[in-house]
N, C-alpha and C. Protein backbone atom coordinates (compact mmCIF):
# COMPACT_ATOMS: atom_id res chain seq x y z
N MET A 1 -29.59 -40.67 -48.18
CA MET A 1 -29.00 -40.15 -49.40
C MET A 1 -28.79 -38.64 -49.25
N LYS A 2 -27.63 -38.19 -49.62
CA LYS A 2 -27.30 -36.78 -49.48
C LYS A 2 -27.96 -35.97 -50.59
N ARG A 3 -28.55 -34.87 -50.20
CA ARG A 3 -29.22 -34.00 -51.16
C ARG A 3 -28.19 -33.15 -51.89
N ARG A 4 -28.30 -33.12 -53.21
CA ARG A 4 -27.35 -32.35 -54.00
C ARG A 4 -27.73 -30.87 -53.98
N ARG A 5 -26.73 -30.02 -54.04
CA ARG A 5 -26.94 -28.58 -54.11
C ARG A 5 -26.32 -28.08 -55.40
N PHE A 6 -27.03 -27.17 -56.04
CA PHE A 6 -26.58 -26.64 -57.30
C PHE A 6 -26.41 -25.13 -57.20
N THR A 7 -25.41 -24.63 -57.87
CA THR A 7 -25.17 -23.19 -57.86
C THR A 7 -26.17 -22.49 -58.75
N ARG A 8 -26.28 -21.21 -58.54
CA ARG A 8 -27.18 -20.38 -59.36
C ARG A 8 -26.75 -20.46 -60.83
N GLU A 9 -25.44 -20.43 -61.06
CA GLU A 9 -24.91 -20.48 -62.42
C GLU A 9 -25.29 -21.78 -63.10
N PHE A 10 -25.23 -22.89 -62.37
CA PHE A 10 -25.59 -24.18 -62.94
C PHE A 10 -27.06 -24.20 -63.33
N LYS A 11 -27.92 -23.70 -62.44
CA LYS A 11 -29.35 -23.68 -62.73
C LYS A 11 -29.66 -22.81 -63.95
N LEU A 12 -28.99 -21.67 -64.05
CA LEU A 12 -29.20 -20.81 -65.21
C LEU A 12 -28.72 -21.48 -66.49
N GLU A 13 -27.62 -22.22 -66.39
CA GLU A 13 -27.11 -22.95 -67.55
C GLU A 13 -28.12 -24.00 -68.00
N ILE A 14 -28.74 -24.67 -67.05
CA ILE A 14 -29.76 -25.68 -67.37
C ILE A 14 -30.94 -25.01 -68.07
N LEU A 15 -31.36 -23.85 -67.57
CA LEU A 15 -32.49 -23.15 -68.19
C LEU A 15 -32.15 -22.68 -69.60
N ARG A 16 -30.90 -22.26 -69.83
CA ARG A 16 -30.49 -21.89 -71.19
C ARG A 16 -30.49 -23.12 -72.10
N ASP A 17 -30.07 -24.24 -71.53
CA ASP A 17 -30.05 -25.48 -72.29
C ASP A 17 -31.46 -25.91 -72.68
N LEU A 18 -32.45 -25.57 -71.85
CA LEU A 18 -33.85 -25.91 -72.15
C LEU A 18 -34.37 -25.16 -73.36
N GLU A 19 -33.77 -24.02 -73.68
CA GLU A 19 -34.20 -23.26 -74.85
C GLU A 19 -33.84 -24.00 -76.14
N ILE A 20 -32.85 -24.87 -76.08
CA ILE A 20 -32.36 -25.57 -77.26
C ILE A 20 -32.85 -27.02 -77.29
N ASN A 21 -32.83 -27.67 -76.12
CA ASN A 21 -33.16 -29.10 -76.02
C ASN A 21 -34.45 -29.30 -75.24
N THR A 22 -34.98 -30.52 -75.32
CA THR A 22 -36.19 -30.85 -74.56
C THR A 22 -35.84 -31.06 -73.10
N LEU A 23 -36.88 -31.02 -72.27
CA LEU A 23 -36.70 -31.25 -70.84
C LEU A 23 -36.10 -32.63 -70.59
N ALA A 24 -36.59 -33.62 -71.30
CA ALA A 24 -36.09 -34.98 -71.13
C ALA A 24 -34.60 -35.08 -71.47
N GLN A 25 -34.19 -34.43 -72.56
CA GLN A 25 -32.77 -34.47 -72.96
C GLN A 25 -31.89 -33.81 -71.91
N VAL A 26 -32.31 -32.64 -71.46
CA VAL A 26 -31.52 -31.90 -70.47
C VAL A 26 -31.39 -32.71 -69.18
N CYS A 27 -32.49 -33.29 -68.74
CA CYS A 27 -32.47 -34.08 -67.51
C CYS A 27 -31.57 -35.31 -67.64
N ARG A 28 -31.63 -35.95 -68.80
CA ARG A 28 -30.77 -37.12 -69.02
C ARG A 28 -29.30 -36.73 -69.02
N GLU A 29 -28.97 -35.64 -69.72
CA GLU A 29 -27.58 -35.21 -69.83
C GLU A 29 -26.97 -34.83 -68.48
N HIS A 30 -27.80 -34.25 -67.62
CA HIS A 30 -27.27 -33.74 -66.35
C HIS A 30 -27.72 -34.55 -65.14
N ASN A 31 -28.37 -35.70 -65.39
CA ASN A 31 -28.82 -36.59 -64.33
C ASN A 31 -29.70 -35.83 -63.32
N LEU A 32 -30.72 -35.16 -63.85
CA LEU A 32 -31.63 -34.38 -63.03
C LEU A 32 -33.05 -34.93 -63.14
N VAL A 33 -33.87 -34.63 -62.15
CA VAL A 33 -35.27 -35.04 -62.15
C VAL A 33 -36.07 -33.93 -62.84
N PRO A 34 -36.96 -34.30 -63.76
CA PRO A 34 -37.73 -33.28 -64.49
C PRO A 34 -38.51 -32.32 -63.58
N ASN A 35 -39.05 -32.83 -62.47
CA ASN A 35 -39.81 -31.96 -61.56
C ASN A 35 -38.93 -30.85 -60.99
N VAL A 36 -37.70 -31.16 -60.70
CA VAL A 36 -36.78 -30.16 -60.14
C VAL A 36 -36.49 -29.08 -61.17
N VAL A 37 -36.22 -29.50 -62.40
CA VAL A 37 -35.92 -28.54 -63.46
C VAL A 37 -37.15 -27.67 -63.75
N SER A 38 -38.32 -28.28 -63.74
CA SER A 38 -39.56 -27.51 -63.96
C SER A 38 -39.75 -26.48 -62.85
N ARG A 39 -39.45 -26.87 -61.62
CA ARG A 39 -39.56 -25.93 -60.50
C ARG A 39 -38.58 -24.77 -60.66
N TRP A 40 -37.36 -25.08 -61.10
CA TRP A 40 -36.37 -24.02 -61.35
C TRP A 40 -36.89 -23.06 -62.41
N LYS A 41 -37.49 -23.60 -63.46
CA LYS A 41 -37.99 -22.78 -64.55
C LYS A 41 -39.11 -21.86 -64.06
N LYS A 42 -40.04 -22.39 -63.27
CA LYS A 42 -41.14 -21.57 -62.72
C LYS A 42 -40.58 -20.49 -61.80
N GLU A 43 -39.64 -20.87 -60.96
CA GLU A 43 -39.05 -19.91 -60.03
C GLU A 43 -38.39 -18.77 -60.80
N TYR A 44 -37.69 -19.11 -61.86
CA TYR A 44 -37.01 -18.09 -62.66
C TYR A 44 -38.03 -17.22 -63.40
N GLU A 45 -39.07 -17.81 -63.93
CA GLU A 45 -40.10 -17.05 -64.66
C GLU A 45 -40.84 -16.10 -63.73
N ASN A 46 -41.08 -16.51 -62.48
CA ASN A 46 -41.80 -15.66 -61.52
C ASN A 46 -40.98 -14.44 -61.10
N ASN A 47 -39.68 -14.62 -60.91
CA ASN A 47 -38.84 -13.50 -60.48
C ASN A 47 -37.39 -13.79 -60.85
N PRO A 48 -36.98 -13.42 -62.06
CA PRO A 48 -35.63 -13.77 -62.52
C PRO A 48 -34.50 -13.19 -61.68
N TYR A 49 -34.74 -12.06 -61.04
CA TYR A 49 -33.66 -11.42 -60.27
C TYR A 49 -33.46 -12.06 -58.90
N GLN A 50 -34.53 -12.57 -58.32
CA GLN A 50 -34.43 -13.19 -57.00
C GLN A 50 -34.31 -14.71 -57.06
N ALA A 51 -34.49 -15.28 -58.23
CA ALA A 51 -34.45 -16.73 -58.36
C ALA A 51 -33.09 -17.28 -57.98
N PHE A 52 -33.12 -18.38 -57.27
CA PHE A 52 -31.91 -19.13 -56.89
C PHE A 52 -30.99 -18.32 -55.99
N SER A 53 -31.51 -17.45 -55.19
CA SER A 53 -30.64 -16.65 -54.31
C SER A 53 -30.09 -17.50 -53.19
N GLY A 54 -30.83 -18.50 -52.74
CA GLY A 54 -30.35 -19.39 -51.68
C GLY A 54 -30.08 -18.63 -50.41
N ASN A 55 -29.27 -19.21 -49.55
CA ASN A 55 -28.96 -18.53 -48.30
C ASN A 55 -27.64 -17.77 -48.38
N GLY A 56 -26.95 -17.89 -49.48
CA GLY A 56 -25.73 -17.12 -49.67
C GLY A 56 -24.54 -17.61 -48.89
N ASN A 57 -24.69 -18.74 -48.21
CA ASN A 57 -23.61 -19.24 -47.37
C ASN A 57 -23.05 -20.57 -47.86
N LEU A 58 -23.26 -20.89 -49.12
CA LEU A 58 -22.78 -22.17 -49.62
C LEU A 58 -21.26 -22.23 -49.65
N TRP A 59 -20.62 -21.13 -49.94
CA TRP A 59 -19.17 -21.14 -50.05
C TRP A 59 -18.62 -19.92 -49.34
N LYS A 60 -18.27 -20.10 -48.11
CA LYS A 60 -17.77 -18.97 -47.33
C LYS A 60 -16.30 -18.76 -47.64
N GLU A 61 -15.89 -17.53 -47.51
CA GLU A 61 -14.49 -17.18 -47.76
C GLU A 61 -13.56 -17.95 -46.82
N SER A 62 -13.96 -18.11 -45.57
CA SER A 62 -13.11 -18.82 -44.62
C SER A 62 -12.94 -20.28 -45.03
N ALA A 63 -13.98 -20.89 -45.59
CA ALA A 63 -13.88 -22.27 -46.06
C ALA A 63 -12.89 -22.37 -47.21
N GLU A 64 -12.90 -21.37 -48.07
CA GLU A 64 -11.98 -21.35 -49.19
C GLU A 64 -10.54 -21.20 -48.69
N ILE A 65 -10.35 -20.35 -47.70
CA ILE A 65 -9.01 -20.16 -47.12
C ILE A 65 -8.52 -21.46 -46.51
N GLU A 66 -9.39 -22.15 -45.78
CA GLU A 66 -9.01 -23.43 -45.17
C GLU A 66 -8.66 -24.46 -46.23
N LYS A 67 -9.38 -24.45 -47.32
CA LYS A 67 -9.09 -25.37 -48.42
C LYS A 67 -7.67 -25.14 -48.94
N TYR A 68 -7.32 -23.86 -49.12
CA TYR A 68 -5.99 -23.55 -49.63
C TYR A 68 -4.90 -23.83 -48.60
N LYS A 69 -5.20 -23.67 -47.33
CA LYS A 69 -4.23 -24.02 -46.28
C LYS A 69 -3.93 -25.52 -46.33
N ARG A 70 -4.99 -26.33 -46.48
CA ARG A 70 -4.78 -27.78 -46.58
C ARG A 70 -3.95 -28.12 -47.81
N LEU A 71 -4.25 -27.44 -48.92
CA LEU A 71 -3.50 -27.69 -50.16
C LEU A 71 -2.03 -27.33 -49.98
N VAL A 72 -1.76 -26.19 -49.35
CA VAL A 72 -0.37 -25.78 -49.11
C VAL A 72 0.33 -26.81 -48.23
N GLY A 73 -0.34 -27.28 -47.19
CA GLY A 73 0.24 -28.30 -46.32
C GLY A 73 0.55 -29.58 -47.08
N GLN A 74 -0.38 -29.99 -47.92
CA GLN A 74 -0.17 -31.20 -48.71
C GLN A 74 1.01 -31.02 -49.67
N LEU A 75 1.07 -29.89 -50.33
CA LEU A 75 2.16 -29.64 -51.27
C LEU A 75 3.50 -29.55 -50.55
N TYR A 76 3.50 -28.97 -49.35
CA TYR A 76 4.73 -28.89 -48.56
C TYR A 76 5.22 -30.30 -48.21
N ALA A 77 4.30 -31.16 -47.78
CA ALA A 77 4.68 -32.53 -47.43
C ALA A 77 5.21 -33.28 -48.66
N GLU A 78 4.55 -33.11 -49.78
CA GLU A 78 5.01 -33.76 -51.01
C GLU A 78 6.39 -33.24 -51.42
N ASN A 79 6.60 -31.95 -51.28
CA ASN A 79 7.87 -31.34 -51.62
C ASN A 79 9.00 -31.89 -50.73
N GLU A 80 8.73 -32.00 -49.44
CA GLU A 80 9.74 -32.55 -48.53
C GLU A 80 10.04 -34.00 -48.87
N PHE A 81 9.00 -34.78 -49.18
CA PHE A 81 9.21 -36.17 -49.56
C PHE A 81 10.09 -36.27 -50.81
N LEU A 82 9.79 -35.44 -51.80
CA LEU A 82 10.57 -35.47 -53.04
C LEU A 82 12.01 -35.04 -52.81
N LYS A 83 12.23 -34.07 -51.94
CA LYS A 83 13.60 -33.64 -51.61
C LYS A 83 14.38 -34.78 -50.98
N LYS A 84 13.75 -35.47 -50.02
CA LYS A 84 14.42 -36.59 -49.36
C LYS A 84 14.71 -37.72 -50.34
N THR A 85 13.75 -37.99 -51.22
CA THR A 85 13.93 -39.05 -52.21
C THR A 85 15.07 -38.69 -53.17
N LEU A 86 15.11 -37.45 -53.61
CA LEU A 86 16.18 -37.00 -54.50
C LEU A 86 17.54 -37.12 -53.81
N ASP A 87 17.61 -36.71 -52.55
CA ASP A 87 18.86 -36.81 -51.79
C ASP A 87 19.32 -38.26 -51.68
N THR A 88 18.38 -39.14 -51.38
CA THR A 88 18.71 -40.57 -51.26
C THR A 88 19.21 -41.12 -52.59
N LEU A 89 18.53 -40.77 -53.67
CA LEU A 89 18.96 -41.25 -54.99
C LEU A 89 20.33 -40.71 -55.38
N GLN A 90 20.60 -39.46 -55.06
CA GLN A 90 21.91 -38.88 -55.37
C GLN A 90 23.01 -39.56 -54.57
N ARG A 91 22.74 -39.87 -53.29
CA ARG A 91 23.75 -40.57 -52.49
C ARG A 91 24.00 -41.97 -53.03
N ARG A 92 22.94 -42.67 -53.41
CA ARG A 92 23.12 -44.02 -53.96
C ARG A 92 23.88 -43.99 -55.27
N ARG A 93 23.57 -43.01 -56.11
CA ARG A 93 24.26 -42.89 -57.39
C ARG A 93 25.75 -42.61 -57.17
N ALA A 94 26.04 -41.72 -56.24
CA ALA A 94 27.44 -41.40 -55.93
C ALA A 94 28.15 -42.65 -55.40
N GLU A 95 27.47 -43.41 -54.55
CA GLU A 95 28.07 -44.63 -54.00
C GLU A 95 28.31 -45.65 -55.09
N GLU A 96 27.37 -45.78 -56.02
CA GLU A 96 27.53 -46.72 -57.13
C GLU A 96 28.72 -46.31 -58.01
N ARG A 97 28.85 -45.03 -58.27
CA ARG A 97 29.99 -44.54 -59.08
C ARG A 97 31.29 -44.84 -58.37
N ARG A 98 31.32 -44.63 -57.06
CA ARG A 98 32.54 -44.85 -56.29
C ARG A 98 32.90 -46.34 -56.32
N LEU A 99 31.92 -47.22 -56.27
CA LEU A 99 32.19 -48.66 -56.29
C LEU A 99 32.64 -49.14 -57.67
N LEU A 100 32.17 -48.48 -58.72
CA LEU A 100 32.53 -48.88 -60.09
C LEU A 100 33.94 -48.44 -60.46
N LYS A 101 34.51 -47.47 -59.77
CA LYS A 101 35.84 -46.97 -60.12
C LYS A 101 36.93 -47.81 -59.59
């Protein structure tokens, strides 16, 4: 089973949610284990500035660039497909008009 990773912002959001709701409610809403949330809370209480610092390499800039390159490639392929489809439809429509006259 793959271990889930959570961002610092998500963990802080969970801790803010704990101020309003019970631990059980928060865990149910976010599909979390109470022990994990309790550990996050202790870690934050011990040192709020260093809590959840992680290794800082969860989302590298190069990974983001590669993601956008793939997206551009996908959009380019879709655009070319749509252009060809439009051209084919226009030719068929013109042929149908010519046959109807």
